[in-house]
Every structure is written in C-alpha cells, then in structure tokens.
Amino acid sequence: MHHYNFSKLFPKAVEHKAEEFLKFPQEKARQRTDEYLGIVPDKNGLKKEQNFFEHGDKARHYLSGDQTSRSIQKKLGSFGKTLPGKTIGIIGSNVGGLIHEAQNLKEGRPILESVEDATNNFVGSIGSLFSKNTSTKILDRLKKYLPDGKVKN
C-alpha cells in the first residue's frame, strides 16, 4: 500500500494562510473553549491548559469544527446562511481538520488520537448549523459520549 505524504501537499504555511484568510477560527475556538471550561488567567496572567480539564480536548475540537465552519460560512456572505452554504462550511471545516490531523500523524501522534479529534471536529462542524448557543447546548449533551481525544497507555 502506498502512503502519500500529505505534508508536502499541505505544508504548515498553507494551514496558516487558511487560518489568516478565515480570520483565525482556531484562536476563536480556543477562546470559546476557555469560556466553556471556565478557564481564567491567574494573577500572573497564566491559564491552565485546556487538556487538564475533564472535557477540555473534546470541547476544543468540537468548538474548532464549529468555529471553522462558521468562518467559512461567513466568507461566503449571504450564501453562507443557506443550507448549501452551511454545507460548504461543514465540508471545508472537515477538510481542514483532516489536513491538520494528517500533519499531527506525520509528527508522530497516535492514529487513534487523530481519529478521535477528527470525530469531535466533525460533530462540532454539524453544530454550526445552529446558533452558537444551541451548538454549545449540543456539546453539553454530547460531551459524555464523544471520544476524549487522548490516547491511554
């Protein structure tokens, strides 16, 4: 079986350009995750890592899928508010998530961890069909069923 090196096709610079073009949805997702988990900086301005929280990794990946899809929808203007436009956002979000996970695999991340993260990205992208508030409520309901995105040794 031939293994294709996706990192040559999609170098990190391309991922950064896409992030920049979409106005940094991953950063917005990290901020939404901090809010969701109740993470606030201490007196020195330091924050606990999201992965230290019970649902931190799955919430971040869910909200990344959601936020990236919303960013693509927004770039599409009024068409992004239609079902076809939202579908393009969902597809684009998942393509971007899969490229990101392929890079993580190249860097040595376990495959199961990337599959779990991609699953949570996908579910979050579907959440983008609804308001942010409703999407967060969906995460509340599903978080105990979603994979945790951490490989257990």
N, C-alpha and C. Protein backbone atom coordinates (compact mmCIF):
# COMPACT_ATOMS: atom_id res chain seq x y z
N MET A 1 0.84 -1.18 0.00
CA MET A 1 0.00 0.00 0.00
C MET A 1 0.88 1.24 0.00
N HIS A 2 0.59 2.17 -0.86
CA HIS A 2 1.38 3.40 -0.98
C HIS A 2 0.87 4.43 0.03
N HIS A 3 1.80 5.01 0.77
CA HIS A 3 1.44 6.07 1.73
C HIS A 3 1.84 7.41 1.13
N TYR A 4 0.89 8.31 1.01
CA TYR A 4 1.16 9.62 0.44
C TYR A 4 1.53 10.59 1.55
N ASN A 5 2.53 11.38 1.34
CA ASN A 5 2.97 12.37 2.32
C ASN A 5 2.18 13.66 2.11
N PHE A 6 1.10 13.82 2.88
CA PHE A 6 0.24 14.99 2.74
C PHE A 6 0.94 16.28 3.15
N SER A 7 1.96 16.17 4.01
CA SER A 7 2.62 17.38 4.48
C SER A 7 3.32 18.11 3.34
N LYS A 8 3.74 17.39 2.30
CA LYS A 8 4.33 18.07 1.15
C LYS A 8 3.27 18.80 0.35
N LEU A 9 2.06 18.22 0.30
CA LEU A 9 0.96 18.84 -0.43
C LEU A 9 0.39 20.02 0.35
N PHE A 10 0.31 19.88 1.66
CA PHE A 10 -0.28 20.90 2.53
C PHE A 10 0.70 21.27 3.65
N PRO A 11 1.73 22.04 3.35
CA PRO A 11 2.67 22.42 4.41
C PRO A 11 1.99 23.31 5.44
N LYS A 12 2.61 23.42 6.61
CA LYS A 12 2.05 24.23 7.70
C LYS A 12 1.78 25.67 7.26
N ALA A 13 2.59 26.18 6.32
CA ALA A 13 2.39 27.55 5.84
C ALA A 13 1.02 27.69 5.19
N VAL A 14 0.57 26.66 4.49
CA VAL A 14 -0.75 26.69 3.85
C VAL A 14 -1.84 26.72 4.93
N GLU A 15 -1.66 25.91 5.97
CA GLU A 15 -2.63 25.90 7.08
C GLU A 15 -2.70 27.29 7.72
N HIS A 16 -1.54 27.92 7.90
CA HIS A 16 -1.53 29.26 8.50
C HIS A 16 -2.22 30.27 7.58
N LYS A 17 -1.97 30.19 6.27
CA LYS A 17 -2.61 31.11 5.32
C LYS A 17 -4.13 30.94 5.37
N ALA A 18 -4.59 29.69 5.46
CA ALA A 18 -6.04 29.44 5.55
C ALA A 18 -6.59 30.03 6.84
N GLU A 19 -5.88 29.85 7.94
CA GLU A 19 -6.28 30.43 9.23
C GLU A 19 -6.40 31.95 9.11
N GLU A 20 -5.39 32.56 8.50
CA GLU A 20 -5.37 34.00 8.34
C GLU A 20 -6.54 34.46 7.47
N PHE A 21 -6.78 33.76 6.35
CA PHE A 21 -7.87 34.09 5.44
C PHE A 21 -9.22 34.02 6.15
N LEU A 22 -9.38 33.03 7.04
CA LEU A 22 -10.65 32.84 7.74
C LEU A 22 -10.73 33.65 9.04
N LYS A 23 -9.73 34.50 9.28
CA LYS A 23 -9.69 35.36 10.47
C LYS A 23 -9.52 34.56 11.76
N PHE A 24 -8.65 33.55 11.71
CA PHE A 24 -8.18 32.78 12.86
C PHE A 24 -9.28 32.08 13.67
N PRO A 25 -10.04 31.19 13.02
CA PRO A 25 -11.10 30.47 13.74
C PRO A 25 -10.56 29.57 14.86
N GLN A 26 -9.33 29.06 14.72
CA GLN A 26 -8.79 28.20 15.78
C GLN A 26 -8.57 29.00 17.06
N GLU A 27 -8.12 30.23 16.92
CA GLU A 27 -7.92 31.08 18.10
C GLU A 27 -9.28 31.40 18.74
N LYS A 28 -10.27 31.69 17.90
CA LYS A 28 -11.61 31.94 18.43
C LYS A 28 -12.15 30.70 19.14
N ALA A 29 -11.86 29.53 18.58
CA ALA A 29 -12.31 28.27 19.20
C ALA A 29 -11.61 28.07 20.55
N ARG A 30 -10.32 28.41 20.64
CA ARG A 30 -9.62 28.28 21.93
C ARG A 30 -10.25 29.23 22.96
N GLN A 31 -10.60 30.43 22.53
CA GLN A 31 -11.24 31.39 23.44
C GLN A 31 -12.61 30.87 23.88
N ARG A 32 -13.38 30.34 22.94
CA ARG A 32 -14.69 29.77 23.28
C ARG A 32 -14.53 28.58 24.24
N THR A 33 -13.47 27.79 24.03
CA THR A 33 -13.22 26.64 24.91
C THR A 33 -12.86 27.12 26.31
N ASP A 34 -12.02 28.14 26.42
CA ASP A 34 -11.70 28.70 27.75
C ASP A 34 -12.98 29.14 28.45
N GLU A 35 -13.85 29.84 27.73
CA GLU A 35 -15.12 30.29 28.31
C GLU A 35 -15.97 29.09 28.72
N TYR A 36 -16.05 28.10 27.85
CA TYR A 36 -16.87 26.91 28.11
C TYR A 36 -16.38 26.18 29.36
N LEU A 37 -15.05 26.07 29.50
CA LEU A 37 -14.48 25.35 30.64
C LEU A 37 -14.31 26.22 31.88
N GLY A 38 -14.56 27.51 31.75
CA GLY A 38 -14.41 28.43 32.88
C GLY A 38 -12.95 28.71 33.22
N ILE A 39 -12.08 28.70 32.21
CA ILE A 39 -10.66 28.94 32.42
C ILE A 39 -10.41 30.44 32.43
N VAL A 40 -9.83 30.93 33.52
CA VAL A 40 -9.46 32.34 33.62
C VAL A 40 -7.99 32.42 34.02
N PRO A 41 -7.31 33.47 33.58
CA PRO A 41 -5.90 33.62 33.95
C PRO A 41 -5.73 33.85 35.45
N ASP A 42 -4.63 33.34 36.01
CA ASP A 42 -4.33 33.61 37.41
C ASP A 42 -3.74 35.02 37.54
N LYS A 43 -3.30 35.39 38.74
CA LYS A 43 -2.80 36.76 38.96
C LYS A 43 -1.56 37.07 38.12
N ASN A 44 -0.86 36.02 37.63
CA ASN A 44 0.32 36.22 36.78
C ASN A 44 -0.04 36.20 35.29
N GLY A 45 -1.34 36.07 34.99
CA GLY A 45 -1.78 36.04 33.60
C GLY A 45 -1.67 34.67 32.95
N LEU A 46 -1.38 33.64 33.75
CA LEU A 46 -1.24 32.28 33.22
C LEU A 46 -2.57 31.54 33.33
N LYS A 47 -2.81 30.67 32.36
CA LYS A 47 -4.05 29.88 32.36
C LYS A 47 -3.69 28.40 32.37
N LYS A 48 -4.56 27.60 32.98
CA LYS A 48 -4.39 26.15 32.93
C LYS A 48 -4.61 25.67 31.50
N GLU A 49 -3.88 24.64 31.12
CA GLU A 49 -4.02 24.03 29.80
C GLU A 49 -5.41 23.38 29.69
N GLN A 50 -6.07 23.56 28.55
CA GLN A 50 -7.42 23.02 28.35
C GLN A 50 -7.46 21.52 28.53
N ASN A 51 -6.39 20.82 28.16
CA ASN A 51 -6.39 19.36 28.27
C ASN A 51 -6.41 18.87 29.72
N PHE A 52 -6.13 19.75 30.69
CA PHE A 52 -6.19 19.34 32.09
C PHE A 52 -7.63 19.23 32.60
N PHE A 53 -8.56 19.78 31.85
CA PHE A 53 -9.97 19.75 32.25
C PHE A 53 -10.64 18.50 31.69
N GLU A 54 -11.64 18.00 32.39
CA GLU A 54 -12.27 16.72 32.04
C GLU A 54 -12.66 16.62 30.57
N HIS A 55 -13.32 17.61 30.06
CA HIS A 55 -13.79 17.56 28.66
C HIS A 55 -13.03 18.55 27.78
N GLY A 56 -11.85 18.96 28.21
CA GLY A 56 -11.10 20.02 27.52
C GLY A 56 -10.75 19.72 26.08
N ASP A 57 -10.15 18.56 25.82
CA ASP A 57 -9.71 18.25 24.46
C ASP A 57 -10.91 18.09 23.52
N LYS A 58 -11.92 17.35 23.97
CA LYS A 58 -13.08 17.15 23.09
C LYS A 58 -13.83 18.46 22.86
N ALA A 59 -13.92 19.31 23.89
CA ALA A 59 -14.60 20.60 23.72
C ALA A 59 -13.84 21.47 22.72
N ARG A 60 -12.49 21.50 22.83
CA ARG A 60 -11.70 22.32 21.91
C ARG A 60 -11.87 21.84 20.47
N HIS A 61 -11.86 20.54 20.24
CA HIS A 61 -12.01 20.03 18.87
C HIS A 61 -13.43 20.23 18.35
N TYR A 62 -14.42 20.03 19.21
CA TYR A 62 -15.81 20.30 18.82
C TYR A 62 -15.95 21.77 18.41
N LEU A 63 -15.47 22.67 19.27
CA LEU A 63 -15.62 24.10 19.01
C LEU A 63 -14.75 24.55 17.84
N SER A 64 -13.64 23.88 17.60
CA SER A 64 -12.82 24.19 16.41
C SER A 64 -13.56 23.84 15.13
N GLY A 65 -14.21 22.67 15.11
CA GLY A 65 -15.01 22.29 13.95
C GLY A 65 -16.15 23.27 13.72
N ASP A 66 -16.81 23.64 14.81
CA ASP A 66 -17.92 24.59 14.76
C ASP A 66 -17.43 25.95 14.25
N GLN A 67 -16.37 26.48 14.87
CA GLN A 67 -15.90 27.82 14.55
C GLN A 67 -15.33 27.91 13.14
N THR A 68 -14.60 26.89 12.70
CA THR A 68 -14.05 26.91 11.35
C THR A 68 -15.17 26.88 10.31
N SER A 69 -16.18 26.06 10.56
CA SER A 69 -17.32 26.01 9.65
C SER A 69 -18.02 27.37 9.59
N ARG A 70 -18.20 28.00 10.74
CA ARG A 70 -18.84 29.33 10.77
C ARG A 70 -18.00 30.37 10.03
N SER A 71 -16.68 30.27 10.16
CA SER A 71 -15.80 31.23 9.48
C SER A 71 -15.89 31.08 7.97
N ILE A 72 -15.97 29.85 7.50
CA ILE A 72 -16.13 29.61 6.05
C ILE A 72 -17.49 30.13 5.60
N GLN A 73 -18.54 29.84 6.37
CA GLN A 73 -19.88 30.32 6.04
C GLN A 73 -19.89 31.85 5.94
N LYS A 74 -19.21 32.51 6.87
CA LYS A 74 -19.17 33.97 6.88
C LYS A 74 -18.46 34.51 5.63
N LYS A 75 -17.40 33.84 5.19
CA LYS A 75 -16.68 34.25 3.98
C LYS A 75 -17.57 34.15 2.74
N LEU A 76 -18.58 33.30 2.80
CA LEU A 76 -19.49 33.11 1.66
C LEU A 76 -20.59 34.17 1.60
N GLY A 77 -20.58 35.10 2.55
CA GLY A 77 -21.58 36.16 2.57
C GLY A 77 -22.98 35.60 2.82
N SER A 78 -23.98 36.17 2.17
CA SER A 78 -25.36 35.74 2.41
C SER A 78 -25.58 34.29 1.96
N PHE A 79 -24.79 33.82 0.98
CA PHE A 79 -24.91 32.42 0.55
C PHE A 79 -24.54 31.48 1.71
N GLY A 80 -23.64 31.91 2.59
CA GLY A 80 -23.23 31.10 3.73
C GLY A 80 -24.34 30.83 4.72
N LYS A 81 -25.42 31.60 4.63
CA LYS A 81 -26.56 31.40 5.53
C LYS A 81 -27.56 30.38 4.99
N THR A 82 -27.36 29.96 3.74
CA THR A 82 -28.25 28.96 3.13
C THR A 82 -27.75 27.56 3.48
N LEU A 83 -28.59 26.56 3.30
CA LEU A 83 -28.16 25.19 3.58
C LEU A 83 -26.97 24.78 2.70
N PRO A 84 -26.98 25.08 1.39
CA PRO A 84 -25.78 24.75 0.60
C PRO A 84 -24.52 25.47 1.11
N GLY A 85 -24.66 26.72 1.51
CA GLY A 85 -23.52 27.47 2.04
C GLY A 85 -23.03 26.89 3.35
N LYS A 86 -23.96 26.52 4.23
CA LYS A 86 -23.59 25.90 5.50
C LYS A 86 -22.90 24.55 5.24
N THR A 87 -23.39 23.82 4.23
CA THR A 87 -22.79 22.53 3.88
C THR A 87 -21.35 22.72 3.40
N ILE A 88 -21.10 23.75 2.62
CA ILE A 88 -19.74 24.05 2.18
C ILE A 88 -18.86 24.35 3.39
N GLY A 89 -19.40 25.09 4.35
CA GLY A 89 -18.66 25.38 5.57
C GLY A 89 -18.30 24.12 6.33
N ILE A 90 -19.26 23.21 6.43
CA ILE A 90 -19.04 21.93 7.13
C ILE A 90 -17.97 21.11 6.42
N ILE A 91 -18.09 21.01 5.10
CA ILE A 91 -17.11 20.24 4.32
C ILE A 91 -15.71 20.87 4.45
N GLY A 92 -15.64 22.17 4.29
CA GLY A 92 -14.35 22.85 4.39
C GLY A 92 -13.72 22.70 5.76
N SER A 93 -14.54 22.79 6.79
CA SER A 93 -14.05 22.62 8.15
C SER A 93 -13.44 21.23 8.34
N ASN A 94 -14.10 20.23 7.81
CA ASN A 94 -13.61 18.85 7.96
C ASN A 94 -12.37 18.58 7.12
N VAL A 95 -12.32 19.15 5.91
CA VAL A 95 -11.12 19.00 5.10
C VAL A 95 -9.93 19.62 5.84
N GLY A 96 -10.13 20.82 6.35
CA GLY A 96 -9.07 21.48 7.12
C GLY A 96 -8.66 20.68 8.35
N GLY A 97 -9.64 20.13 9.05
CA GLY A 97 -9.36 19.32 10.23
C GLY A 97 -8.58 18.06 9.88
N LEU A 98 -8.95 17.43 8.76
CA LEU A 98 -8.23 16.22 8.34
C LEU A 98 -6.80 16.52 7.93
N ILE A 99 -6.59 17.66 7.27
CA ILE A 99 -5.23 18.06 6.90
C ILE A 99 -4.40 18.29 8.17
N HIS A 100 -5.01 18.97 9.14
CA HIS A 100 -4.32 19.22 10.41
C HIS A 100 -3.96 17.90 11.10
N GLU A 101 -4.89 16.96 11.14
CA GLU A 101 -4.63 15.67 11.78
C GLU A 101 -3.59 14.86 11.01
N ALA A 102 -3.57 14.98 9.68
CA ALA A 102 -2.54 14.29 8.88
C ALA A 102 -1.16 14.82 9.25
N GLN A 103 -1.07 16.13 9.49
CA GLN A 103 0.21 16.70 9.91
C GLN A 103 0.60 16.18 11.30
N ASN A 104 -0.39 16.05 12.19
CA ASN A 104 -0.11 15.51 13.52
C ASN A 104 0.40 14.08 13.44
N LEU A 105 -0.18 13.28 12.54
CA LEU A 105 0.28 11.90 12.36
C LEU A 105 1.73 11.89 11.88
N LYS A 106 2.05 12.77 10.95
CA LYS A 106 3.41 12.86 10.44
C LYS A 106 4.39 13.18 11.56
N GLU A 107 3.94 13.99 12.52
CA GLU A 107 4.79 14.37 13.64
C GLU A 107 4.82 13.31 14.74
N GLY A 108 4.14 12.17 14.52
CA GLY A 108 4.21 11.06 15.46
C GLY A 108 3.04 10.88 16.40
N ARG A 109 1.99 11.65 16.24
CA ARG A 109 0.82 11.49 17.10
C ARG A 109 0.16 10.15 16.81
N PRO A 110 -0.32 9.44 17.82
CA PRO A 110 -1.00 8.16 17.58
C PRO A 110 -2.24 8.33 16.70
N ILE A 111 -2.48 7.36 15.82
CA ILE A 111 -3.59 7.45 14.87
C ILE A 111 -4.94 7.52 15.57
N LEU A 112 -5.12 6.75 16.64
CA LEU A 112 -6.41 6.77 17.34
C LEU A 112 -6.73 8.16 17.88
N GLU A 113 -5.73 8.84 18.37
CA GLU A 113 -5.93 10.20 18.89
C GLU A 113 -6.41 11.13 17.77
N SER A 114 -5.79 11.02 16.59
CA SER A 114 -6.20 11.85 15.46
C SER A 114 -7.61 11.50 14.98
N VAL A 115 -7.95 10.22 15.00
CA VAL A 115 -9.30 9.80 14.60
C VAL A 115 -10.33 10.37 15.58
N GLU A 116 -10.02 10.31 16.87
CA GLU A 116 -10.94 10.86 17.88
C GLU A 116 -11.08 12.37 17.72
N ASP A 117 -9.97 13.06 17.49
CA ASP A 117 -10.03 14.51 17.30
C ASP A 117 -10.85 14.87 16.06
N ALA A 118 -10.63 14.12 14.97
CA ALA A 118 -11.39 14.36 13.73
C ALA A 118 -12.88 14.11 13.95
N THR A 119 -13.21 13.11 14.76
CA THR A 119 -14.62 12.83 15.08
C THR A 119 -15.24 14.02 15.79
N ASN A 120 -14.54 14.56 16.78
CA ASN A 120 -15.07 15.70 17.53
C ASN A 120 -15.14 16.95 16.65
N ASN A 121 -14.17 17.13 15.75
CA ASN A 121 -14.24 18.23 14.78
C ASN A 121 -15.50 18.10 13.92
N PHE A 122 -15.76 16.88 13.44
CA PHE A 122 -16.92 16.65 12.58
C PHE A 122 -18.22 16.98 13.31
N VAL A 123 -18.37 16.48 14.53
CA VAL A 123 -19.60 16.74 15.28
C VAL A 123 -19.76 18.24 15.51
N GLY A 124 -18.66 18.92 15.82
CA GLY A 124 -18.72 20.36 16.01
C GLY A 124 -19.11 21.10 14.74
N SER A 125 -18.62 20.62 13.61
CA SER A 125 -18.97 21.29 12.34
C SER A 125 -20.47 21.18 12.09
N ILE A 126 -21.07 20.07 12.48
CA ILE A 126 -22.53 19.91 12.35
C ILE A 126 -23.24 20.89 13.28
N GLY A 127 -22.65 21.14 14.45
CA GLY A 127 -23.22 22.11 15.39
C GLY A 127 -23.33 23.49 14.79
N SER A 128 -22.51 23.78 13.76
CA SER A 128 -22.55 25.11 13.13
C SER A 128 -23.83 25.34 12.34
N LEU A 129 -24.63 24.32 12.17
CA LEU A 129 -25.94 24.50 11.52
C LEU A 129 -26.88 25.32 12.40
N PHE A 130 -26.55 25.40 13.69
CA PHE A 130 -27.40 26.06 14.67
C PHE A 130 -26.70 27.31 15.22
N SER A 131 -27.39 28.05 16.06
CA SER A 131 -26.77 29.21 16.70
C SER A 131 -25.61 28.72 17.59
N LYS A 132 -24.70 29.64 17.94
CA LYS A 132 -23.60 29.26 18.82
C LYS A 132 -24.13 28.75 20.16
N ASN A 133 -25.18 29.39 20.66
CA ASN A 133 -25.77 28.99 21.94
C ASN A 133 -26.31 27.56 21.85
N THR A 134 -27.03 27.26 20.78
CA THR A 134 -27.58 25.90 20.60
C THR A 134 -26.45 24.91 20.41
N SER A 135 -25.43 25.28 19.66
CA SER A 135 -24.29 24.40 19.44
C SER A 135 -23.61 24.05 20.77
N THR A 136 -23.48 25.05 21.65
CA THR A 136 -22.88 24.80 22.97
C THR A 136 -23.77 23.85 23.77
N LYS A 137 -25.09 24.00 23.66
CA LYS A 137 -26.00 23.08 24.35
C LYS A 137 -25.87 21.66 23.80
N ILE A 138 -25.63 21.55 22.49
CA ILE A 138 -25.40 20.23 21.88
C ILE A 138 -24.13 19.61 22.47
N LEU A 139 -23.07 20.41 22.58
CA LEU A 139 -21.84 19.93 23.20
C LEU A 139 -22.11 19.47 24.63
N ASP A 140 -22.89 20.24 25.38
CA ASP A 140 -23.24 19.84 26.76
C ASP A 140 -23.87 18.46 26.79
N ARG A 141 -24.77 18.21 25.85
CA ARG A 141 -25.48 16.93 25.82
C ARG A 141 -24.59 15.78 25.34
N LEU A 142 -23.68 16.07 24.39
CA LEU A 142 -22.89 15.00 23.76
C LEU A 142 -21.54 14.75 24.40
N LYS A 143 -21.05 15.68 25.23
CA LYS A 143 -19.67 15.58 25.69
C LYS A 143 -19.35 14.27 26.41
N LYS A 144 -20.33 13.69 27.08
CA LYS A 144 -20.04 12.42 27.77
C LYS A 144 -19.99 11.24 26.80
N TYR A 145 -20.45 11.43 25.57
CA TYR A 145 -20.45 10.34 24.57
C TYR A 145 -19.33 10.48 23.55
N LEU A 146 -18.79 11.70 23.38
CA LEU A 146 -17.74 11.94 22.40
C LEU A 146 -16.42 11.34 22.90
N PRO A 147 -15.55 10.90 21.97
CA PRO A 147 -14.26 10.38 22.40
C PRO A 147 -13.42 11.49 23.06
N ASP A 148 -12.58 11.10 24.01
CA ASP A 148 -11.85 12.12 24.77
C ASP A 148 -10.64 12.70 24.03
N GLY A 149 -10.22 12.08 22.92
CA GLY A 149 -9.13 12.61 22.13
C GLY A 149 -7.76 12.42 22.76
N LYS A 150 -7.69 11.57 23.76
CA LYS A 150 -6.42 11.29 24.43
C LYS A 150 -6.16 9.80 24.37
N VAL A 151 -4.95 9.43 23.97
CA VAL A 151 -4.60 8.03 23.90
C VAL A 151 -4.18 7.57 25.30
N LYS A 152 -4.76 6.45 25.71
CA LYS A 152 -4.45 5.89 27.02
C LYS A 152 -3.36 4.82 26.85
N ASN A 153 -2.28 4.97 27.60
CA ASN A 153 -1.18 3.99 27.51
C ASN A 153 -1.35 2.88 28.52
